Amino acid sequence: MAWTISLSGIPSTDISGCVGSVAAGASPGTFIIRTAAKPSIVSGRGDLTLTDDHGTVTFEDCHIDVSHLKCIKYHDAWLWEVRVQDRRHDLANELIHGESNVRLIDGSIDPVTRRNMREVVQGVLTQAGEGSADVSSIPNNVFPHVCWRRYRAGDELERLCDLVGHVITLDTNNEIKLSPLGSGAPLPGGDEKINPTHVFSLEEKPEKIEVVGGENIFQSRWELEPVGTEEYFGVIEQLDDLSYKPLTGWASKDIYDFGYISDYLAWLTYGKQRRAARAAESIYKLFKPKRCIVPAGNVKVNLDNVEFLGTRAELAFDKSPLPTQIVGTYYPNGEVPSNVSTCVSSDLFEWLPKSQLVKFDYPIYAISNKGKPIAPTLYLDVAYKVRDEDSGLPWSYHYTSNIEGGGRGTYRIQRPELREVIVRKFFGCEYSFTETTNRTDLDSEAAGYVSANLNRFNSTTDREQSDLVGIHPTSCDGLISQVGYELGLGAPPITRISKNYENDIYSPHKSIRTLRRMGRQSDETTYGKEQ
């Protein structure tokens, strides 16, 4: 059977054989060309063509890896080996940048960055010079958050495709395609088939698909209590537990002049001024959350299992987070003759979420019927996260869907940007409130991910292989995982086509390539943060 192999820079008469394969994924297909004479390669690019009596397959604009050039002994002769990779080599190494679908604190998407998955994928392809690729099968009802700073296009495109049950392929026309898993052409057969097909399946459907989101954000109202700073180490205590509390109580003293503390504790000569200074900086100036008023989402909360945020979970007109809000009943420092129930100006206090403290610029207090200073009634509207008291894990968003005819286990899709936000918004100083949540929008998007991945389980997962005599140009797709070609070195041309698995034992399997890709992405993420 006559056959020829041609590659730019190498005379066809010198080529004695070729072995290689193309597989689904971002990684380029690899071929090893063996020649009798040392090749005179003048360019790192070229077209690889394999031809015999059955057909011709051409891989255009291949990368010729000159660094791999080496000489090996084959039987009694010396042969030169040249490694060639299809044009996905460029896709794998093209760098992209950009950010899409930035989530705001209320769980919504910043309109400026809003792009569905189809648009995100199209953007990657365009930056990589593959803008004409067909993306019509990519769903447009999910919105993944991406943030790229000179990331590899192939790695990111493969990650996006995997999220929605697609694979990257290079068809026989040398066009990049995005193929849905579970759909594709049947294995070819006919008279050229030289080996029987052994059908086997080692995979079991999972019982369900689960979309795992990010940590939930809650917003509700917290009652505040006044606290003070102890003399040593700055320990925060309730006012009545402070070591320098007046015997007759705080209401009997001037809360603007604490010189009396030195006189009152005159027998403790050391630290008189420090005690007065501690009082001046904290009495009715420092407040701490005491308890939550009607927790959002009916999740059990206390000061030990919450992580306070620096703002509310609501947005201003400019889409920025609203600052924390304090409302309550207090005395406005002589502006009116009695206590008022209203909001405290945000210019008068600072919220310190990590310390769980509210710090006022001057004392905030109420006055009693006798005109004496007493603790005000104050409430803090703030956003926070909650950890489950039993597991210690943060409350987070989950969406689960059972698979018809499923077996055991769970297939999980990690989407940390899907974050449920539950807001209890109170009206003024009243206890009445409304509760809102973005759960419906999250469930809709999570269902989109589930739907896009069902084909990977609902279609047949049987593994098959066809070995055909001769060159039979065949494209990888959502079923055909790998196509290999072998020519020369004393053997007839063979095309080996595999369904739902990869037969090439010399190249890393797709799962291994994915792990390597994830490792590269981790390195690049760290590198990007350091810039």
Protein backbone atom coordinates (compact mmCIF):
# COMPACT_ATOMS: atom_id res chain seq x y z
CA MET A 1 0.00 0.00 0.00
CA ALA A 2 1.51 3.31 -1.11
CA TRP A 3 1.74 6.13 1.40
CA THR A 4 3.48 9.47 1.76
CA ILE A 5 4.28 11.81 4.61
CA SER A 6 5.11 15.44 3.97
CA LEU A 7 6.30 18.13 6.36
CA SER A 8 7.78 21.50 5.57
CA GLY A 9 11.58 21.37 5.62
CA ILE A 10 11.85 17.59 5.25
CA PRO A 11 11.90 15.82 1.85
CA SER A 12 9.16 13.18 1.71
CA THR A 13 11.65 10.63 0.38
CA ASP A 14 13.64 10.92 3.64
CA ILE A 15 10.67 10.29 5.93
CA SER A 16 10.44 6.67 7.03
CA GLY A 17 7.49 6.82 9.39
CA CYS A 18 5.11 8.79 11.56
CA VAL A 19 3.15 8.02 14.70
CA GLY A 20 0.88 10.34 16.64
CA SER A 21 -2.63 11.27 17.66
CA VAL A 22 -5.04 14.10 18.25
CA ALA A 23 -7.35 14.13 21.27
CA ALA A 24 -10.18 16.23 22.61
CA GLY A 25 -9.06 19.10 24.82
CA ALA A 26 -6.91 22.19 24.66
CA SER A 27 -3.64 20.28 24.43
CA PRO A 28 -2.31 19.99 20.88
CA GLY A 29 -2.09 16.66 19.11
CA THR A 30 1.48 15.36 18.85
CA PHE A 31 3.20 13.47 16.04
CA ILE A 32 6.69 12.01 15.89
CA ILE A 33 8.26 12.09 12.39
CA ARG A 34 11.22 9.76 11.73
CA THR A 35 13.65 10.60 8.91
CA ALA A 36 16.75 8.93 7.55
CA ALA A 37 18.69 12.17 7.08
CA LYS A 38 19.06 15.07 9.47
CA PRO A 39 16.22 17.49 8.60
CA SER A 40 17.04 20.99 7.47
CA ILE A 41 14.18 22.81 9.18
CA VAL A 42 14.23 26.54 8.44
CA SER A 43 10.90 27.43 10.06
CA GLY A 44 9.11 26.47 13.22
CA ARG A 45 5.84 26.21 11.30
CA GLY A 46 4.61 23.83 8.65
CA ASP A 47 1.82 21.64 7.30
CA LEU A 48 1.80 17.91 8.08
CA THR A 49 0.08 15.69 5.51
CA LEU A 50 -0.52 11.93 5.76
CA THR A 51 -1.69 10.19 2.57
CA ASP A 52 -2.40 6.67 1.39
CA ASP A 53 -4.80 4.88 -0.95
CA HIS A 54 -7.72 5.39 1.45
CA GLY A 55 -7.50 9.05 2.20
CA THR A 56 -5.54 12.15 3.16
CA VAL A 57 -5.43 14.12 6.38
CA THR A 58 -3.64 17.47 6.69
CA PHE A 59 -2.81 19.37 9.84
CA GLU A 60 -2.19 22.96 8.84
CA ASP A 61 0.13 25.47 10.47
CA CYS A 62 1.68 22.98 12.86
CA HIS A 63 4.36 23.83 15.40
CA ILE A 64 7.63 22.05 14.63
CA ASP A 65 9.39 21.52 17.95
CA VAL A 66 13.03 21.93 16.95
CA SER A 67 14.14 21.57 20.57
CA HIS A 68 12.94 17.95 20.50
CA LEU A 69 15.12 17.02 17.51
CA LYS A 70 17.18 13.94 18.36
CA CYS A 71 18.84 10.92 16.78
CA ILE A 72 17.89 7.37 17.81
CA LYS A 73 19.00 3.90 16.72
CA TYR A 74 16.29 1.86 15.08
CA HIS A 75 17.42 -1.74 14.43
CA ASP A 76 20.67 -1.29 12.47
CA ALA A 77 19.97 2.24 11.26
CA TRP A 78 20.07 5.70 12.82
CA LEU A 79 16.94 7.80 12.49
CA TRP A 80 16.17 11.41 13.34
CA GLU A 81 13.02 12.22 15.29
CA VAL A 82 11.08 15.47 14.95
CA ARG A 83 8.10 16.32 17.15
CA VAL A 84 5.19 18.15 15.54
CA GLN A 85 2.15 19.60 17.31
CA ASP A 86 -1.09 20.72 15.70
CA ARG A 87 -2.07 24.37 15.76
CA ARG A 88 -3.69 24.13 19.18
CA HIS A 89 -0.12 24.71 20.36
CA ASP A 90 -0.84 28.41 19.78
CA LEU A 91 -4.18 28.21 21.61
CA ALA A 92 -2.45 26.59 24.57
CA ASN A 93 0.14 29.36 24.81
CA GLU A 94 -1.78 32.49 23.79
CA LEU A 95 -2.22 34.85 26.74
CA ILE A 96 -5.53 36.47 27.60
CA HIS A 97 -6.69 39.09 30.07
CA GLY A 98 -9.96 40.51 31.37
CA GLU A 99 -12.62 40.13 34.03
CA SER A 100 -16.29 39.27 33.69
CA ASN A 101 -19.31 38.84 35.96
CA VAL A 102 -18.01 40.60 39.04
CA ARG A 103 -20.48 39.91 41.85
CA LEU A 104 -21.54 42.79 44.04
CA ILE A 105 -22.15 42.39 47.75
CA ASP A 106 -25.89 41.92 47.21
CA GLY A 107 -25.17 38.92 44.98
CA SER A 108 -26.02 40.67 41.71
CA ILE A 109 -23.64 41.07 38.78
CA ASP A 110 -22.03 44.40 38.03
CA PRO A 111 -23.82 45.40 34.79
CA VAL A 112 -20.57 46.68 33.28
CA THR A 113 -19.01 43.20 33.53
CA ARG A 114 -22.10 41.08 32.83
CA ARG A 115 -21.46 38.46 30.11
CA ASN A 116 -23.02 35.03 29.74
CA MET A 117 -20.92 31.91 29.26
CA ARG A 118 -21.25 32.03 25.48
CA GLU A 119 -19.96 35.60 25.40
CA VAL A 120 -17.11 34.78 27.79
CA VAL A 121 -16.03 31.82 25.64
CA GLN A 122 -16.30 33.92 22.49
CA GLY A 123 -14.08 36.53 24.12
CA VAL A 124 -11.39 33.93 24.86
CA LEU A 125 -11.49 32.63 21.31
CA THR A 126 -11.30 36.14 19.88
CA GLN A 127 -8.27 37.05 22.00
CA ALA A 128 -6.65 33.78 20.93
CA GLY A 129 -7.24 34.51 17.24
CA GLU A 130 -10.04 31.93 16.87
CA GLY A 131 -12.98 34.31 16.73
CA SER A 132 -14.71 32.42 13.90
CA ALA A 133 -15.22 29.26 15.98
CA ASP A 134 -18.84 28.18 16.45
CA VAL A 135 -20.05 28.76 20.04
CA SER A 136 -23.77 28.21 19.43
CA SER A 137 -23.93 25.09 21.62
CA ILE A 138 -22.45 26.89 24.64
CA PRO A 139 -25.26 27.85 27.07
CA ASN A 140 -26.09 31.50 27.56
CA ASN A 141 -27.93 31.20 30.88
CA VAL A 142 -24.93 30.94 33.22
CA PHE A 143 -22.54 33.75 34.16
CA PRO A 144 -19.16 32.54 35.46
CA HIS A 145 -16.86 34.96 37.20
CA VAL A 146 -13.43 35.06 35.53
CA CYS A 147 -10.43 37.24 36.25
CA TRP A 148 -7.47 36.78 33.94
CA ARG A 149 -4.14 38.55 34.04
CA ARG A 150 -2.14 37.10 31.16
CA TYR A 151 -3.51 33.57 31.59
CA ARG A 152 -3.13 30.81 28.97
CA ALA A 153 -6.09 30.85 26.62
CA GLY A 154 -6.18 27.08 26.13
CA ASP A 155 -6.24 26.33 29.84
CA GLU A 156 -9.02 28.80 30.56
CA LEU A 157 -11.08 27.79 27.54
CA GLU A 158 -10.89 24.14 28.59
CA ARG A 159 -11.92 25.04 32.14
CA LEU A 160 -14.93 26.99 30.88
CA CYS A 161 -15.97 24.23 28.50
CA ASP A 162 -15.73 21.61 31.23
CA LEU A 163 -18.10 23.66 33.40
CA VAL A 164 -20.83 23.28 30.79
CA GLY A 165 -20.10 19.76 29.52
CA HIS A 166 -18.12 20.62 26.37
CA VAL A 167 -14.73 19.68 24.96
CA ILE A 168 -12.37 21.51 22.60
CA THR A 169 -11.69 19.68 19.35
CA LEU A 170 -9.82 20.22 16.11
CA ASP A 171 -11.77 18.86 13.16
CA THR A 172 -10.42 17.55 9.87
CA ASN A 173 -10.81 21.02 8.36
CA ASN A 174 -8.37 22.33 10.98
CA GLU A 175 -11.07 24.38 12.66
CA ILE A 176 -11.42 24.72 16.41
CA LYS A 177 -14.77 23.37 17.57
CA LEU A 178 -16.53 23.19 20.93
CA SER A 179 -18.38 19.90 21.10
CA PRO A 180 -21.01 18.90 23.69
CA LEU A 181 -20.05 15.80 25.64
CA GLY A 182 -22.17 12.77 24.80
CA SER A 183 -22.92 13.82 21.24
CA GLY A 184 -20.97 12.96 18.12
CA ALA A 185 -20.48 10.60 15.22
CA PRO A 186 -20.52 6.80 15.56
CA LEU A 187 -17.28 4.90 15.19
CA PRO A 188 -16.47 4.12 11.54
CA GLY A 189 -16.25 0.49 10.47
CA GLY A 190 -16.57 -1.44 7.26
CA ASP A 191 -14.14 -3.69 5.41
CA GLU A 192 -11.10 -1.71 6.57
CA LYS A 193 -11.69 -2.64 10.19
CA ILE A 194 -8.94 -4.99 11.30
CA ASN A 195 -9.72 -5.60 14.98
CA PRO A 196 -12.99 -6.50 16.69
CA THR A 197 -14.59 -3.82 18.83
CA HIS A 198 -14.59 -4.66 22.50
CA VAL A 199 -17.30 -2.62 24.19
CA PHE A 200 -16.84 -2.06 27.90
CA SER A 201 -17.90 0.45 30.51
CA LEU A 202 -16.14 1.19 33.75
CA GLU A 203 -18.13 4.26 34.71
CA GLU A 204 -21.25 4.54 36.83
CA LYS A 205 -23.60 7.47 36.78
CA PRO A 206 -23.51 9.54 39.94
CA GLU A 207 -26.71 9.77 41.91
CA LYS A 208 -26.91 13.55 41.65
CA ILE A 209 -25.26 16.74 40.46
CA GLU A 210 -24.51 19.40 43.04
CA VAL A 211 -23.61 23.03 42.41
CA VAL A 212 -21.55 24.29 45.33
CA GLY A 213 -21.60 28.04 45.77
CA GLY A 214 -19.85 30.55 47.97
CA GLU A 215 -20.46 31.68 51.53
CA ASN A 216 -23.86 33.17 52.23
CA ILE A 217 -24.16 36.79 53.31
CA PHE A 218 -26.82 37.87 55.80
CA GLN A 219 -27.97 41.27 56.93
CA SER A 220 -30.01 42.04 60.00
CA ARG A 221 -30.12 44.34 63.02
CA TRP A 222 -27.94 43.95 66.10
CA GLU A 223 -28.55 45.51 69.49
CA LEU A 224 -25.56 47.49 70.76
CA GLU A 225 -24.39 47.85 74.36
CA PRO A 226 -21.86 50.36 75.71
CA VAL A 227 -18.47 48.99 76.73
CA GLY A 228 -15.23 50.41 78.10
CA THR A 229 -11.52 49.79 77.96
CA GLU A 230 -9.76 48.32 80.99
CA GLU A 231 -6.59 49.91 82.30
CA TYR A 232 -4.28 47.09 81.24
CA PHE A 233 -3.98 45.47 77.81
CA GLY A 234 -7.02 47.33 76.45
CA VAL A 235 -9.46 44.58 77.46
CA ILE A 236 -13.07 45.43 76.55
CA GLU A 237 -15.60 45.08 79.36
CA GLN A 238 -19.19 46.10 79.99
CA LEU A 239 -19.39 49.46 81.77
CA ASP A 240 -20.48 47.98 85.10
CA ASP A 241 -17.62 45.46 85.01
CA LEU A 242 -14.84 48.03 84.66
CA SER A 243 -12.41 48.26 87.57
CA TYR A 244 -12.75 52.04 87.70
CA LYS A 245 -16.55 52.17 87.71
CA PRO A 246 -17.82 54.81 90.18
CA LEU A 247 -19.44 53.33 93.29
CA THR A 248 -22.57 55.36 92.65
CA GLY A 249 -22.72 54.45 88.95
CA TRP A 250 -21.93 56.27 85.75
CA ALA A 251 -25.09 58.37 85.82
CA SER A 252 -23.85 60.18 88.94
CA LYS A 253 -20.70 61.49 87.26
CA ASP A 254 -19.69 63.85 84.49
CA ILE A 255 -18.99 61.72 81.41
CA TYR A 256 -16.86 64.45 79.83
CA ASP A 257 -14.41 64.93 82.70
CA PHE A 258 -12.95 61.81 84.28
CA GLY A 259 -10.49 63.47 86.59
CA TYR A 260 -12.48 62.16 89.53
CA ILE A 261 -11.33 58.63 88.71
CA SER A 262 -7.82 59.52 89.88
CA ASP A 263 -9.20 60.91 93.14
CA TYR A 264 -11.56 58.03 93.64
CA LEU A 265 -8.70 55.50 93.23
CA ALA A 266 -6.11 57.65 94.97
CA TRP A 267 -4.92 54.70 97.01
CA LEU A 268 -3.76 53.12 93.73
CA THR A 269 -1.03 55.61 92.99
CA TYR A 270 0.23 53.82 89.86
CA GLY A 271 -1.69 54.47 86.66
CA LYS A 272 -4.05 57.23 87.83
CA GLN A 273 -3.81 59.17 84.62
CA ARG A 274 -3.99 56.02 82.52
CA ARG A 275 -7.30 55.00 84.09
CA ALA A 276 -8.74 58.44 83.40
CA ALA A 277 -7.48 58.30 79.84
CA ARG A 278 -9.06 54.86 79.32
CA ALA A 279 -12.37 56.20 80.54
CA ALA A 280 -12.19 59.31 78.39
CA GLU A 281 -11.55 57.29 75.24
CA SER A 282 -14.24 54.68 75.76
CA ILE A 283 -17.14 55.57 78.10
CA TYR A 284 -20.23 55.92 75.87
CA LYS A 285 -17.88 56.10 72.91
CA LEU A 286 -17.41 52.36 72.44
CA PHE A 287 -20.31 50.02 71.74
CA LYS A 288 -20.34 46.32 70.97
CA PRO A 289 -23.01 44.11 69.33
CA LYS A 290 -24.93 42.24 72.02
CA ARG A 291 -27.51 40.16 70.21
CA CYS A 292 -29.16 39.90 66.80
CA ILE A 293 -32.70 41.19 66.42
CA VAL A 294 -34.57 38.59 64.33
CA PRO A 295 -31.62 36.90 62.50
CA ALA A 296 -31.88 36.86 58.71
CA GLY A 297 -32.79 33.53 57.21
CA ASN A 298 -33.63 32.14 60.66
CA VAL A 299 -30.03 30.97 61.02
CA LYS A 300 -28.86 30.63 64.62
CA VAL A 301 -26.27 33.33 65.29
CA ASN A 302 -24.19 34.59 68.19
CA LEU A 303 -21.07 36.67 68.51
CA ASP A 304 -18.87 33.55 68.34
CA ASN A 305 -20.10 32.15 65.03
CA VAL A 306 -20.48 35.32 62.94
CA GLU A 307 -17.98 37.20 60.81
CA PHE A 308 -19.09 40.81 60.51
CA LEU A 309 -18.52 42.70 57.27
CA GLY A 310 -17.68 46.37 56.94
CA THR A 311 -20.90 47.38 55.18
CA ARG A 312 -24.51 46.42 54.65
CA ALA A 313 -25.48 43.98 51.90
CA GLU A 314 -27.53 46.63 50.12
CA LEU A 315 -26.36 48.80 47.25
CA ALA A 316 -26.40 52.54 46.71
CA PHE A 317 -27.44 54.06 43.39
CA ASP A 318 -23.84 53.89 42.19
CA LYS A 319 -23.73 50.12 42.98
CA SER A 320 -21.37 50.65 45.91
CA PRO A 321 -22.18 48.89 49.21
CA LEU A 322 -24.18 50.97 51.65
CA PRO A 323 -22.29 51.74 54.86
CA THR A 324 -23.43 50.31 58.16
CA GLN A 325 -26.33 52.13 59.76
CA ILE A 326 -27.01 52.88 63.43
CA VAL A 327 -30.51 53.78 64.61
CA GLY A 328 -31.89 54.20 68.10
CA THR A 329 -32.92 56.46 70.92
CA TYR A 330 -30.31 58.86 72.30
CA TYR A 331 -29.76 62.44 73.43
CA PRO A 332 -28.42 64.71 70.65
CA ASN A 333 -26.17 66.79 72.92
CA GLY A 334 -28.40 69.73 73.74
CA GLU A 335 -29.76 70.25 70.25
CA VAL A 336 -33.22 69.34 71.58
CA PRO A 337 -34.38 69.08 75.18
CA SER A 338 -35.05 65.32 75.18
CA ASN A 339 -34.07 62.01 73.62
CA VAL A 340 -34.76 61.40 69.92
CA SER A 341 -35.35 58.21 67.93
CA THR A 342 -33.58 58.45 64.62
CA CYS A 343 -30.49 57.44 62.62
CA VAL A 344 -27.05 58.41 63.83
CA SER A 345 -25.05 60.25 61.22
CA SER A 346 -22.48 57.95 59.64
CA ASP A 347 -19.94 60.76 60.02
CA LEU A 348 -20.02 60.36 63.80
CA PHE A 349 -18.90 56.75 64.16
CA GLU A 350 -16.52 54.13 62.81
CA TRP A 351 -17.44 50.43 62.56
CA LEU A 352 -14.56 48.05 63.30
CA PRO A 353 -15.84 44.63 62.14
CA LYS A 354 -12.85 42.55 63.19
CA SER A 355 -12.91 43.98 66.71
CA GLN A 356 -16.73 43.94 66.75
CA LEU A 357 -16.73 47.53 67.99
CA VAL A 358 -18.47 50.78 67.11
CA LYS A 359 -16.37 53.82 67.94
CA PHE A 360 -17.99 57.27 68.24
CA ASP A 361 -16.18 60.58 68.06
CA TYR A 362 -17.88 61.83 71.24
CA PRO A 363 -20.10 60.21 73.90
CA ILE A 364 -23.49 58.96 72.74
CA TYR A 365 -25.96 58.49 75.58
CA ALA A 366 -29.56 59.00 76.59
CA ILE A 367 -30.83 61.09 79.49
CA SER A 368 -33.08 59.78 82.22
CA ASN A 369 -36.17 61.47 83.61
CA LYS A 370 -33.85 63.08 86.15
CA GLY A 371 -31.60 64.46 83.43
CA LYS A 372 -28.78 62.00 84.12
CA PRO A 373 -26.75 60.20 81.40
CA ILE A 374 -27.79 56.58 80.85
CA ALA A 375 -27.09 53.95 78.20
CA PRO A 376 -28.82 54.73 74.89
CA THR A 377 -30.84 52.21 72.91
CA LEU A 378 -28.86 51.68 69.70
CA TYR A 379 -29.05 49.15 66.87
CA LEU A 380 -26.55 48.35 64.12
CA ASP A 381 -27.69 47.30 60.61
CA VAL A 382 -24.79 45.29 59.18
CA ALA A 383 -23.94 42.37 56.88
CA TYR A 384 -22.26 39.23 58.17
CA LYS A 385 -21.39 35.61 57.46
CA VAL A 386 -22.33 32.70 59.73
CA ARG A 387 -20.59 29.45 60.61
CA ASP A 388 -22.62 26.39 61.53
CA GLU A 389 -22.13 25.71 65.23
CA ASP A 390 -21.94 21.93 64.77
CA SER A 391 -19.66 21.60 61.75
CA GLY A 392 -17.80 24.90 62.01
CA LEU A 393 -18.28 25.40 58.27
CA PRO A 394 -19.72 28.62 56.86
CA TRP A 395 -23.28 28.57 55.63
CA SER A 396 -23.03 28.45 51.86
CA TYR A 397 -25.18 28.01 48.79
CA HIS A 398 -25.94 24.50 47.44
CA TYR A 399 -28.14 23.33 44.59
CA THR A 400 -28.74 19.61 44.05
CA SER A 401 -30.45 17.76 41.22
CA ASN A 402 -30.94 14.01 40.99
CA ILE A 403 -29.89 12.16 37.83
CA GLU A 404 -32.44 9.82 36.32
CA GLY A 405 -31.17 6.27 36.60
CA GLY A 406 -28.21 7.46 38.65
CA GLY A 407 -26.08 5.20 40.77
CA ARG A 408 -23.92 6.42 43.63
CA GLY A 409 -21.92 9.50 44.48
CA THR A 410 -22.20 13.17 43.63
CA TYR A 411 -20.75 15.14 40.72
CA ARG A 412 -19.92 18.59 42.07
CA ILE A 413 -19.56 21.85 40.19
CA GLN A 414 -17.74 24.51 42.19
CA ARG A 415 -19.08 28.02 41.56
CA PRO A 416 -17.92 30.25 44.44
CA GLU A 417 -19.48 33.37 42.90
CA LEU A 418 -22.97 31.93 43.48
CA ARG A 419 -23.60 33.37 46.92
CA GLU A 420 -26.98 33.64 48.57
CA VAL A 421 -27.66 37.03 50.13
CA ILE A 422 -30.49 37.32 52.66
CA VAL A 423 -31.37 40.85 53.81
CA ARG A 424 -33.75 41.80 56.61
CA LYS A 425 -34.40 45.48 56.13
CA PHE A 426 -35.92 47.29 59.10
CA PHE A 427 -38.01 50.45 58.95
CA GLY A 428 -36.52 53.24 61.03
CA CYS A 429 -36.33 52.36 64.72
CA GLU A 430 -39.26 49.95 64.45
CA TYR A 431 -39.16 46.16 64.68
CA SER A 432 -41.07 45.73 61.41
CA PHE A 433 -38.99 44.54 58.47
CA THR A 434 -39.02 42.96 55.01
CA GLU A 435 -36.79 40.08 53.93
CA THR A 436 -35.33 39.66 50.45
CA THR A 437 -33.12 36.97 48.96
CA ASN A 438 -31.54 36.24 45.59
CA ARG A 439 -32.22 32.49 45.91
CA THR A 440 -34.49 32.36 42.85
CA ASP A 441 -31.82 33.86 40.57
CA LEU A 442 -29.16 31.53 41.98
CA ASP A 443 -31.32 28.45 41.48
CA SER A 444 -31.98 29.46 37.88
CA GLU A 445 -28.26 29.80 37.13
CA ALA A 446 -27.36 26.61 39.00
CA ALA A 447 -30.02 24.73 37.01
CA GLY A 448 -28.27 25.98 33.86
CA TYR A 449 -25.02 24.33 34.95
CA VAL A 450 -26.85 21.11 35.80
CA SER A 451 -28.67 21.01 32.47
CA ALA A 452 -25.44 21.62 30.54
CA ASN A 453 -23.75 18.68 32.29
CA LEU A 454 -26.50 16.06 32.07
CA ASN A 455 -25.33 14.83 28.66
CA ARG A 456 -22.03 13.69 30.12
CA PHE A 457 -24.03 11.13 32.11
CA ASN A 458 -27.28 10.57 30.22
CA SER A 459 -25.59 9.49 26.98
CA THR A 460 -23.82 6.18 26.63
CA THR A 461 -20.47 5.96 28.37
CA ASP A 462 -19.45 2.71 26.67
CA ARG A 463 -15.84 2.69 25.59
CA GLU A 464 -15.05 1.41 22.11
CA GLN A 465 -12.17 1.39 19.66
CA SER A 466 -11.91 0.94 15.89
CA ASP A 467 -8.62 0.03 14.18
CA LEU A 468 -8.84 0.73 10.47
CA VAL A 469 -6.39 -0.05 7.70
CA GLY A 470 -5.28 3.11 5.98
CA ILE A 471 -5.74 6.84 6.58
CA HIS A 472 -9.31 7.74 7.53
CA PRO A 473 -9.65 11.43 8.41
CA THR A 474 -11.80 11.55 11.54
CA SER A 475 -12.64 14.43 13.85
CA CYS A 476 -12.81 14.22 17.61
CA ASP A 477 -16.12 15.29 19.16
CA GLY A 478 -18.17 14.74 22.29
CA LEU A 479 -17.93 10.96 21.87
CA ILE A 480 -14.72 10.32 19.93
CA SER A 481 -11.96 11.17 22.37
CA GLN A 482 -8.86 10.38 20.33
CA VAL A 483 -7.76 9.60 16.78
CA GLY A 484 -4.31 8.13 16.18
CA TYR A 485 -2.32 7.53 12.99
CA GLU A 486 0.61 5.18 12.36
CA LEU A 487 2.55 5.01 9.09
CA GLY A 488 5.79 3.40 7.97
CA LEU A 489 8.62 1.53 9.68
CA GLY A 490 7.56 -1.74 8.14
CA ALA A 491 3.87 -1.61 9.10
CA PRO A 492 0.81 -0.67 7.02
CA PRO A 493 -0.93 2.64 7.73
CA ILE A 494 -3.42 2.40 10.58
CA THR A 495 -6.04 4.78 11.93
CA ARG A 496 -7.06 4.09 15.53
CA ILE A 497 -10.27 5.75 16.72
CA SER A 498 -11.39 5.68 20.37
CA LYS A 499 -14.76 6.47 21.87
CA ASN A 500 -15.04 7.79 25.43
CA TYR A 501 -11.42 7.05 26.27
CA GLU A 502 -7.89 7.65 25.00
CA ASN A 503 -5.80 4.77 23.69
CA ASP A 504 -2.41 6.46 23.36
CA ILE A 505 -0.27 5.13 26.22
CA TYR A 506 2.63 7.44 25.36
CA SER A 507 0.82 10.73 25.95
CA PRO A 508 -0.63 11.89 29.30
CA HIS A 509 -4.34 11.20 29.62
CA LYS A 510 -6.75 14.15 29.58
CA SER A 511 -7.23 13.87 33.34
CA ILE A 512 -3.47 14.21 33.86
CA ARG A 513 -3.32 17.11 31.43
CA THR A 514 -6.13 18.76 33.37
CA LEU A 515 -4.24 18.39 36.65
CA ARG A 516 -1.18 19.96 35.04
CA ARG A 517 -3.33 22.78 33.71
CA MET A 518 -4.76 23.40 37.18
CA GLY A 519 -1.25 23.48 38.59
CA ARG A 520 -0.18 26.06 36.02
CA GLN A 521 -3.28 28.11 36.77
CA SER A 522 -2.48 28.02 40.50
CA ASP A 523 1.03 29.26 39.84
CA GLU A 524 -0.23 32.01 37.58
CA THR A 525 -2.88 33.07 40.08
CA THR A 526 -0.24 33.46 42.76
CA TYR A 527 2.00 35.29 40.34
CA GLY A 528 -0.80 37.59 39.32
CA LYS A 529 -1.54 38.55 42.92
CA GLU A 530 2.04 39.49 43.50
CA GLN A 531 2.13 41.98 40.66
